[in-house]
Protein backbone atom coordinates (compact mmCIF):
# COMPACT_ATOMS: atom_id res chain seq x y z
CA MET A 1 -18.97 -9.35 10.37
CA PRO A 2 -18.34 -5.64 11.05
CA VAL A 3 -16.28 -3.66 8.56
CA TRP A 4 -13.62 -3.16 11.25
CA ASP A 5 -12.81 -6.87 11.42
CA ASP A 6 -9.77 -6.63 9.13
CA LEU A 7 -8.31 -3.66 11.00
CA VAL A 8 -5.71 -5.64 12.93
CA GLY A 9 -4.19 -4.32 16.14
CA GLN A 10 -5.57 -0.78 15.75
CA GLU A 11 -8.11 -0.58 18.58
CA ARG A 12 -7.47 3.11 19.26
CA VAL A 13 -7.94 4.11 15.62
CA GLN A 14 -11.00 1.89 15.31
CA ALA A 15 -12.63 3.57 18.31
CA GLN A 16 -11.99 7.04 16.86
CA LEU A 17 -13.40 6.11 13.46
CA ALA A 18 -16.45 4.41 14.96
CA ALA A 19 -17.20 7.54 17.01
CA ALA A 20 -16.80 9.74 13.93
CA ALA A 21 -19.12 7.45 11.93
CA ARG A 22 -21.80 7.78 14.64
CA ASP A 23 -21.51 11.56 14.58
CA ALA A 24 -21.58 11.56 10.75
CA ASP A 25 -24.78 9.53 10.90
CA ALA A 26 -26.35 12.06 13.25
CA LEU A 27 -25.15 14.94 11.08
CA VAL A 28 -26.77 13.58 7.89
CA THR A 29 -29.96 12.79 9.78
CA ALA A 30 -30.12 16.38 11.03
CA ILE A 31 -29.48 17.80 7.55
CA THR A 32 -32.17 15.57 6.04
CA ALA A 33 -34.69 16.53 8.71
CA GLY A 34 -33.83 20.22 8.46
CA THR A 35 -32.87 20.42 12.13
CA PRO A 36 -29.71 22.05 13.54
CA PRO A 37 -26.63 19.81 13.36
CA PRO A 38 -25.08 18.49 16.60
CA ALA A 39 -23.07 21.12 18.46
CA ALA A 40 -19.97 18.97 18.89
CA SER A 41 -18.96 16.37 16.32
CA LYS A 42 -16.00 14.06 15.85
CA MET A 43 -16.69 14.03 12.11
CA THR A 44 -14.71 16.16 9.67
CA HIS A 45 -14.42 16.44 5.89
CA ALA A 46 -10.77 15.35 5.45
CA TRP A 47 -8.74 12.60 7.11
CA LEU A 48 -5.12 11.55 6.77
CA PHE A 49 -4.17 7.96 7.64
CA THR A 50 -0.45 7.36 8.17
CA GLY A 51 1.56 4.38 9.30
CA PRO A 52 4.33 2.02 8.19
CA PRO A 53 3.81 -0.37 5.27
CA GLY A 54 1.51 -3.21 6.26
CA SER A 55 -0.15 -1.34 9.11
CA GLY A 56 -3.50 -1.25 7.30
CA ARG A 57 -3.86 2.40 6.25
CA ALA A 58 -6.01 1.62 3.20
CA THR A 59 -7.98 -1.00 5.15
CA ALA A 60 -8.85 1.57 7.82
CA ALA A 61 -9.88 4.15 5.20
CA ARG A 62 -12.07 1.70 3.34
CA ALA A 63 -13.70 0.45 6.56
CA PHE A 64 -14.47 4.04 7.54
CA ALA A 65 -15.94 4.71 4.10
CA ALA A 66 -18.19 1.68 4.53
CA ALA A 67 -19.30 2.84 7.98
CA LEU A 68 -20.21 6.25 6.52
CA GLN A 69 -22.39 4.54 3.88
CA CYS A 70 -23.95 1.99 6.25
CA VAL A 71 -27.73 1.70 5.85
CA SER A 72 -28.39 -1.00 8.41
CA PRO A 73 -31.79 -0.55 10.09
CA ASP A 74 -30.09 -1.31 13.42
CA ARG A 75 -28.62 2.20 13.37
CA ALA A 76 -32.02 3.61 14.33
CA LEU A 77 -31.98 1.34 17.38
CA GLY A 78 -28.55 2.47 18.50
CA GLY A 79 -26.52 0.00 16.45
CA GLU A 80 -23.01 0.90 15.33
CA PRO A 81 -22.55 2.06 11.70
CA GLY A 82 -20.43 -0.40 9.75
CA CYS A 83 -22.42 -3.62 10.16
CA GLY A 84 -20.68 -5.25 7.19
CA PHE A 85 -23.87 -6.88 5.88
CA CYS A 86 -26.02 -4.09 4.43
CA ASP A 87 -25.86 -2.97 0.82
CA GLY A 88 -23.91 0.22 1.69
CA CYS A 89 -21.20 -1.67 3.59
CA HIS A 90 -20.96 -4.54 1.12
CA THR A 91 -20.69 -2.45 -2.05
CA THR A 92 -18.14 -0.15 -0.45
CA MET A 93 -15.91 -3.02 0.67
CA VAL A 94 -15.97 -4.67 -2.77
CA GLY A 95 -15.43 -1.33 -4.54
CA THR A 96 -18.74 -0.94 -6.40
CA HIS A 97 -20.55 1.73 -4.37
CA ALA A 98 -21.67 4.61 -6.60
CA ASP A 99 -20.60 7.26 -4.08
CA VAL A 100 -17.24 5.81 -3.03
CA GLU A 101 -14.23 6.40 -5.29
CA ILE A 102 -11.20 4.30 -4.30
CA VAL A 103 -8.03 5.55 -5.98
CA ARG A 104 -4.80 3.59 -6.09
CA THR A 105 -2.06 3.83 -8.68
CA ASP A 106 0.24 1.27 -10.24
CA LEU A 107 2.40 4.11 -11.64
CA LEU A 108 5.20 6.09 -10.05
CA SER A 109 3.05 9.17 -9.40
CA ILE A 110 -0.43 10.68 -9.57
CA GLY A 111 -0.56 13.65 -11.92
CA VAL A 112 -2.57 16.83 -12.26
CA LYS A 113 -5.05 15.42 -14.80
CA GLU A 114 -6.11 12.51 -12.60
CA THR A 115 -6.39 14.77 -9.56
CA ARG A 116 -8.58 17.28 -11.40
CA ASP A 117 -10.92 14.43 -12.31
CA LEU A 118 -11.14 13.51 -8.63
CA VAL A 119 -11.84 17.08 -7.60
CA ARG A 120 -14.67 17.31 -10.12
CA ARG A 121 -16.07 14.05 -8.76
CA ALA A 122 -15.87 15.42 -5.20
CA GLN A 123 -18.11 18.37 -6.08
CA LEU A 124 -21.05 16.08 -6.87
CA SER A 125 -23.79 15.36 -4.38
CA PRO A 126 -24.18 11.74 -3.23
CA ALA A 127 -26.22 9.75 -5.75
CA VAL A 128 -27.46 6.90 -3.56
CA GLY A 129 -25.44 7.05 -0.35
CA ARG A 130 -25.18 9.37 2.60
CA TRP A 131 -21.77 10.80 1.66
CA GLN A 132 -19.54 11.28 -1.37
CA VAL A 133 -16.30 9.57 -0.27
CA ILE A 134 -12.91 9.78 -2.04
CA VAL A 135 -10.32 7.28 -0.77
CA LEU A 136 -6.84 8.20 -2.05
CA GLU A 137 -4.65 5.23 -1.08
CA ASP A 138 -1.42 6.69 -2.49
CA ALA A 139 -1.53 10.33 -1.42
CA ASP A 140 2.28 10.24 -1.08
CA ARG A 141 2.53 9.77 -4.86
CA LEU A 142 0.84 13.05 -5.73
CA THR A 143 3.10 15.32 -7.75
CA GLU A 144 3.54 18.86 -6.46
CA GLY A 145 1.11 20.17 -9.06
CA ALA A 146 -1.44 17.50 -8.21
CA GLY A 147 -1.09 18.33 -4.52
CA ASN A 148 -1.86 21.96 -5.22
CA VAL A 149 -4.98 20.94 -7.18
CA LEU A 150 -6.12 18.75 -4.29
CA LEU A 151 -5.48 21.51 -1.76
CA LYS A 152 -8.25 23.67 -3.18
CA ALA A 153 -10.78 20.84 -2.84
CA VAL A 154 -9.73 20.10 0.73
CA GLU A 155 -9.90 23.79 1.65
CA GLU A 156 -13.39 24.27 0.25
CA PRO A 157 -15.14 20.89 0.40
CA ALA A 158 -18.62 20.15 -0.83
CA PRO A 159 -21.14 19.83 2.03
CA ARG A 160 -21.34 16.02 2.04
CA THR A 161 -17.95 15.04 0.61
CA VAL A 162 -15.26 13.29 2.66
CA TRP A 163 -11.61 12.91 1.64
CA LEU A 164 -9.70 9.93 3.08
CA LEU A 165 -5.97 10.20 2.28
CA CYS A 166 -3.42 7.47 3.01
CA SER A 167 0.35 8.00 3.26
CA PRO A 168 3.31 6.34 5.01
CA SER A 169 4.09 9.50 6.99
CA LEU A 170 3.06 13.12 7.45
CA GLU A 171 6.20 14.28 5.65
CA ASP A 172 5.03 12.56 2.44
CA VAL A 173 2.08 14.98 2.14
CA LEU A 174 2.20 18.71 1.46
CA PRO A 175 2.10 20.68 4.75
CA THR A 176 -0.82 22.75 3.46
CA ILE A 177 -2.86 19.58 2.89
CA ARG A 178 -2.02 17.77 6.10
CA SER A 179 -2.81 20.87 8.15
CA ARG A 180 -6.39 20.67 6.88
CA CYS A 181 -6.85 16.97 7.67
CA ARG A 182 -7.54 15.09 10.87
CA HIS A 183 -4.54 12.84 11.38
CA LEU A 184 -4.73 9.19 12.46
CA ASN A 185 -1.48 7.28 12.89
CA LEU A 186 -1.53 3.49 12.70
CA GLY A 187 1.15 1.30 14.27
CA THR A 188 2.58 -2.00 13.09
CA PRO A 189 0.28 -4.79 14.34
CA SER A 190 1.76 -7.47 16.56
CA VAL A 191 3.01 -10.73 15.08
CA ALA A 192 0.41 -12.65 17.08
CA ALA A 193 -2.44 -10.47 15.75
CA VAL A 194 -1.35 -10.96 12.14
CA ALA A 195 -0.97 -14.71 12.61
CA ASP A 196 -4.47 -14.89 14.12
CA LEU A 197 -5.88 -13.01 11.10
CA LEU A 198 -4.23 -15.42 8.65
CA VAL A 199 -5.67 -18.41 10.47
CA ARG A 200 -9.13 -16.90 10.92
CA ARG A 201 -9.66 -15.31 7.53
CA ASP A 202 -7.36 -17.14 5.11
CA GLY A 203 -7.45 -20.63 6.60
CA VAL A 204 -3.66 -20.84 6.97
CA GLU A 205 -2.27 -23.49 9.30
CA PRO A 206 -1.31 -21.94 12.67
CA ALA A 207 2.38 -22.87 12.37
CA ALA A 208 2.68 -21.48 8.84
CA ALA A 209 0.77 -18.35 9.85
CA ALA A 210 3.08 -17.75 12.80
CA ASN A 211 6.19 -18.21 10.63
CA ALA A 212 4.89 -15.83 7.94
CA ALA A 213 3.85 -13.18 10.45
CA ARG A 214 7.21 -13.38 12.23
CA ALA A 215 9.21 -13.28 8.99
CA THR A 216 7.41 -10.14 7.80
CA GLN A 217 7.37 -8.47 11.23
CA GLY A 218 3.65 -7.73 11.20
CA HIS A 219 3.23 -6.65 7.56
CA ILE A 220 -0.24 -8.03 6.82
CA ASP A 221 -0.15 -8.22 3.00
CA ARG A 222 3.37 -9.63 2.84
CA ALA A 223 2.53 -12.18 5.52
CA ARG A 224 -0.52 -13.36 3.58
CA ARG A 225 1.48 -13.66 0.37
CA LEU A 226 4.28 -15.54 2.11
CA ALA A 227 1.85 -17.93 3.78
CA THR A 228 -0.19 -18.70 0.65
CA ASP A 229 2.23 -18.37 -2.29
CA GLU A 230 5.01 -20.91 -2.78
CA SER A 231 6.80 -18.71 -5.33
CA ALA A 232 6.99 -15.90 -2.76
CA ARG A 233 8.66 -18.26 -0.28
CA THR A 234 11.14 -19.40 -2.92
CA ARG A 235 11.96 -15.83 -3.89
CA ARG A 236 12.48 -14.83 -0.25
CA ALA A 237 14.82 -17.77 0.32
CA THR A 238 16.90 -16.71 -2.68
CA VAL A 239 17.17 -13.10 -1.48
CA LEU A 240 18.22 -14.17 2.03
CA LYS A 241 21.10 -16.18 0.56
CA MET A 242 22.67 -13.01 -0.85
CA PRO A 243 24.68 -12.13 2.31
CA LEU A 244 26.44 -15.49 1.93
CA ARG A 245 27.32 -14.89 -1.73
CA VAL A 246 29.22 -11.59 -1.55
CA ASP A 247 32.62 -12.93 -0.54
CA ASP A 248 34.29 -11.72 -3.77
CA VAL A 249 33.73 -9.13 -6.47
CA GLY A 250 32.42 -11.69 -8.96
CA GLY A 251 29.87 -12.94 -6.45
CA CYS A 252 28.74 -9.38 -5.72
CA LEU A 253 28.17 -8.55 -9.39
CA LYS A 254 26.43 -11.86 -10.08
CA ALA A 255 24.13 -11.50 -7.08
CA ALA A 256 23.21 -7.95 -8.13
CA GLN A 257 22.46 -9.02 -11.71
CA GLU A 258 20.27 -11.90 -10.54
CA LEU A 259 18.32 -9.65 -8.17
CA VAL A 260 17.64 -7.05 -10.86
CA ASP A 261 16.76 -9.74 -13.42
CA ALA A 262 14.30 -11.33 -10.99
CA ALA A 263 12.61 -7.96 -10.42
CA GLY A 264 12.46 -7.40 -14.17
CA GLU A 265 10.92 -10.83 -14.67
CA ASP A 266 8.25 -10.03 -12.07
CA ALA A 267 7.40 -6.84 -13.97
CA LYS A 268 7.34 -8.69 -17.27
CA GLN A 269 4.98 -11.38 -15.98
CA MET A 270 2.56 -8.81 -14.59
CA ALA A 271 2.74 -6.86 -17.84
CA GLU A 272 1.92 -9.92 -19.92
CA GLU A 273 -1.18 -10.53 -17.80
CA VAL A 274 -2.47 -6.95 -17.94
CA ASP A 275 -0.98 -5.12 -20.94
CA THR A 276 -2.27 -7.45 -23.65
CA LYS A 277 -5.86 -7.23 -22.45
CA GLU A 278 -5.65 -3.45 -22.05
CA THR A 279 -4.28 -3.06 -25.57
CA GLU A 280 -6.90 -5.36 -27.11
CA ASP A 281 -9.74 -3.62 -25.28
CA LEU A 282 -8.56 -0.18 -26.41
CA ARG A 283 -8.09 -1.31 -30.01
CA ALA A 284 -11.62 -2.71 -30.03
CA ALA A 285 -13.00 0.50 -28.49
CA LEU A 286 -11.26 2.57 -31.16
CA GLY A 287 -12.64 0.40 -33.97
CA ALA A 288 -9.44 -1.36 -35.09
CA GLY A 289 -9.59 -4.05 -37.75
CA ALA A 290 -9.86 -7.70 -36.74
CA GLY A 291 -6.71 -9.37 -35.42
CA ALA A 292 -3.69 -7.97 -33.61
CA GLY A 293 -2.36 -6.48 -36.86
CA GLY A 294 -5.61 -4.87 -37.96
CA ARG A 295 -5.47 -1.29 -39.18
CA MET A 296 -6.16 1.45 -36.65
CA PRO A 297 -8.50 4.31 -37.59
CA ARG A 298 -6.89 7.65 -38.30
CA GLY A 299 -6.26 9.91 -35.33
CA THR A 300 -5.91 7.12 -32.79
CA ALA A 301 -2.11 6.81 -32.77
CA GLY A 302 -1.81 9.31 -29.92
CA VAL A 303 -4.22 7.36 -27.73
CA MET A 304 -2.30 4.12 -28.30
CA LYS A 305 0.99 5.89 -27.57
CA GLU A 306 -0.45 7.21 -24.30
CA LEU A 307 -1.42 3.66 -23.28
CA GLU A 308 2.06 2.34 -24.15
CA ASP A 309 3.68 5.07 -22.05
CA ARG A 310 1.41 4.24 -19.12
CA GLN A 311 2.25 0.55 -19.40
CA LYS A 312 5.96 1.35 -19.49
CA ARG A 313 5.67 3.45 -16.31
CA ARG A 314 3.73 0.65 -14.65
CA ARG A 315 6.47 -1.88 -15.46
CA THR A 316 9.03 0.49 -13.94
CA ARG A 317 6.91 0.79 -10.78
CA THR A 318 6.50 -2.99 -10.57
CA GLN A 319 10.24 -3.56 -10.92
CA ARG A 320 11.00 -1.00 -8.22
CA ASP A 321 8.41 -2.49 -5.89
CA SER A 322 9.93 -5.93 -6.38
CA LEU A 323 13.41 -4.61 -5.67
CA ASP A 324 12.16 -2.70 -2.64
CA LEU A 325 10.64 -5.87 -1.21
CA ALA A 326 13.95 -7.70 -1.64
CA LEU A 327 15.81 -4.84 0.07
CA THR A 328 13.32 -4.92 2.93
CA GLU A 329 14.00 -8.63 3.40
CA LEU A 330 17.75 -7.99 3.36
CA THR A 331 17.35 -5.30 5.99
CA GLY A 332 15.46 -7.80 8.16
CA PHE A 333 18.32 -10.29 7.75
CA TYR A 334 20.94 -7.83 9.02
CA ARG A 335 18.60 -6.61 11.74
CA ASP A 336 18.55 -10.19 13.06
CA VAL A 337 22.33 -10.40 12.73
CA LEU A 338 22.71 -7.21 14.76
CA ALA A 339 20.34 -8.52 17.44
CA LEU A 340 22.48 -11.66 17.79
CA GLN A 341 25.72 -9.68 17.92
CA LEU A 342 24.40 -7.40 20.65
CA GLY A 343 22.79 -10.20 22.64
CA SER A 344 19.38 -8.49 22.34
CA ASN A 345 16.17 -10.03 23.60
CA LEU A 346 14.36 -9.05 20.39
CA ALA A 347 12.61 -11.91 18.64
CA ILE A 348 14.45 -13.15 15.55
CA ALA A 349 12.32 -12.62 12.44
CA ASN A 350 14.14 -15.14 10.22
CA GLU A 351 14.26 -18.01 12.69
CA ASP A 352 14.09 -20.53 9.83
CA ILE A 353 17.63 -19.55 8.71
CA ARG A 354 19.13 -19.19 12.19
CA HIS A 355 22.31 -21.04 11.18
CA ASP A 356 23.00 -18.47 8.40
CA LEU A 357 22.40 -15.60 10.80
CA ASP A 358 24.80 -17.13 13.33
CA ARG A 359 27.43 -17.60 10.64
CA VAL A 360 27.31 -13.96 9.51
CA ALA A 361 27.12 -12.69 13.10
CA ARG A 362 30.30 -14.58 14.09
CA ALA A 363 32.17 -13.39 11.01
CA SER A 364 31.80 -9.66 11.72
CA GLY A 365 30.98 -7.08 14.39
CA PRO A 366 28.02 -4.77 15.02
CA GLU A 367 29.78 -1.83 13.35
CA ARG A 368 30.06 -3.70 10.05
CA THR A 369 26.46 -4.85 10.29
CA LEU A 370 25.28 -1.26 10.77
CA ARG A 371 27.29 -0.16 7.73
CA ARG A 372 25.63 -2.92 5.71
CA ILE A 373 22.18 -1.78 6.78
CA GLU A 374 23.15 1.76 5.78
CA ALA A 375 24.24 0.45 2.37
CA ILE A 376 20.79 -1.09 1.83
CA ILE A 377 19.12 2.18 2.82
CA ALA A 378 21.40 4.06 0.42
CA CYS A 379 20.38 1.68 -2.37
CA ARG A 380 16.70 2.37 -1.72
CA ASP A 381 17.37 6.11 -1.77
CA ALA A 382 19.25 5.76 -5.06
CA LEU A 383 16.34 3.89 -6.63
CA ASP A 384 13.99 6.66 -5.49
CA ARG A 385 16.25 9.13 -7.33
CA ASN A 386 15.93 7.10 -10.55
CA VAL A 387 19.45 5.68 -10.48
CA ALA A 388 19.74 2.72 -12.85
CA PRO A 389 18.68 -0.34 -10.79
CA LEU A 390 21.70 -2.47 -11.70
CA LEU A 391 24.19 0.26 -10.74
CA ALA A 392 22.43 0.89 -7.43
CA VAL A 393 22.27 -2.79 -6.51
CA GLU A 394 25.88 -3.44 -7.58
CA ALA A 395 27.04 -0.59 -5.36
CA MET A 396 25.05 -2.11 -2.49
CA THR A 397 26.43 -5.63 -2.91
CA MET A 398 30.00 -4.29 -3.00
CA ALA A 399 29.27 -2.37 0.21
CA LEU A 400 27.84 -5.53 1.79
CA ARG A 401 31.09 -7.30 0.98
CA ALA A 402 33.25 -4.52 2.41
CA GLY A 403 31.12 -4.06 5.51
């Protein structure tokens, strides 16, 4: 199947990328043959993909990278780059192509050191493919210093290097960088399109796929997780009970503590799966003695400390992501409440708990519901400013009670 198959509900973006891939193919062919390049080309050296969470920014970037590396013989006969079957497409999509670097971070930010490594990589000529492609899935997490390092590479790119940056919005990227990129904005795919993808690709039952797509309002990854993971459904059900548990101060504080503890447990479970293996692999690479308590060679304490710091930052990121998902689900709950209070024709996302939505809607007015949504947004902002999670969530639950 073509590499564009997973790009759900983005026909306009797909058409633009396919046209650019065709022009890129013609450009490389001209360079190889020593002939003048095409006069007009839709291809450029730097792209910026923006769109709300779940819209498929990284999917679009990776599909475009695969199309740029496509080596299907059908191209010579007028076939579209991005067949999905050739070695260039396949290795790019699975992340093993020698000339495609896919960068994502499980930390809170991307620093100067990592960015300099990327810039050095971008100066190399393609080893086996047609282009050197750098896919930066978390461009919004670049520190200011890292952004300045990247700017130089985007300003003066190597002849056959392409930067594909992904970010939720233009404002999350330095103005000097975004002004040098071609911008593609992706929209949230429709609920029907996401449900169709879950049925077609993941084998989910149509009813379950429709419920998951509706509950997540078109967020592809969350919909897949909700449709295929029982623990995700249980966790969501617990979060959506919170608005019914904030009738008194004790209930507010207890609900906040449970939410933060659940996020911490998520981070701990992920850490146990990843950290132990990372630590053992590094100890073995550094020549530590046998067993977990074996002696480390001299001069390696700093390396181990660096790994521990990285793992700590990753746990913090995981906890925040877990909390952010819960806050997103709470926002969806009150969005449905507001729709009921205003008599809107908008589809209800949480139809499976319609009785709870009706109960909260009857007990308050639209003004209080809007204040509650604002309290959730304020909690997310506080977490972004490194406020202690428990304090931020307790303040939110008290505001939910007050309305």
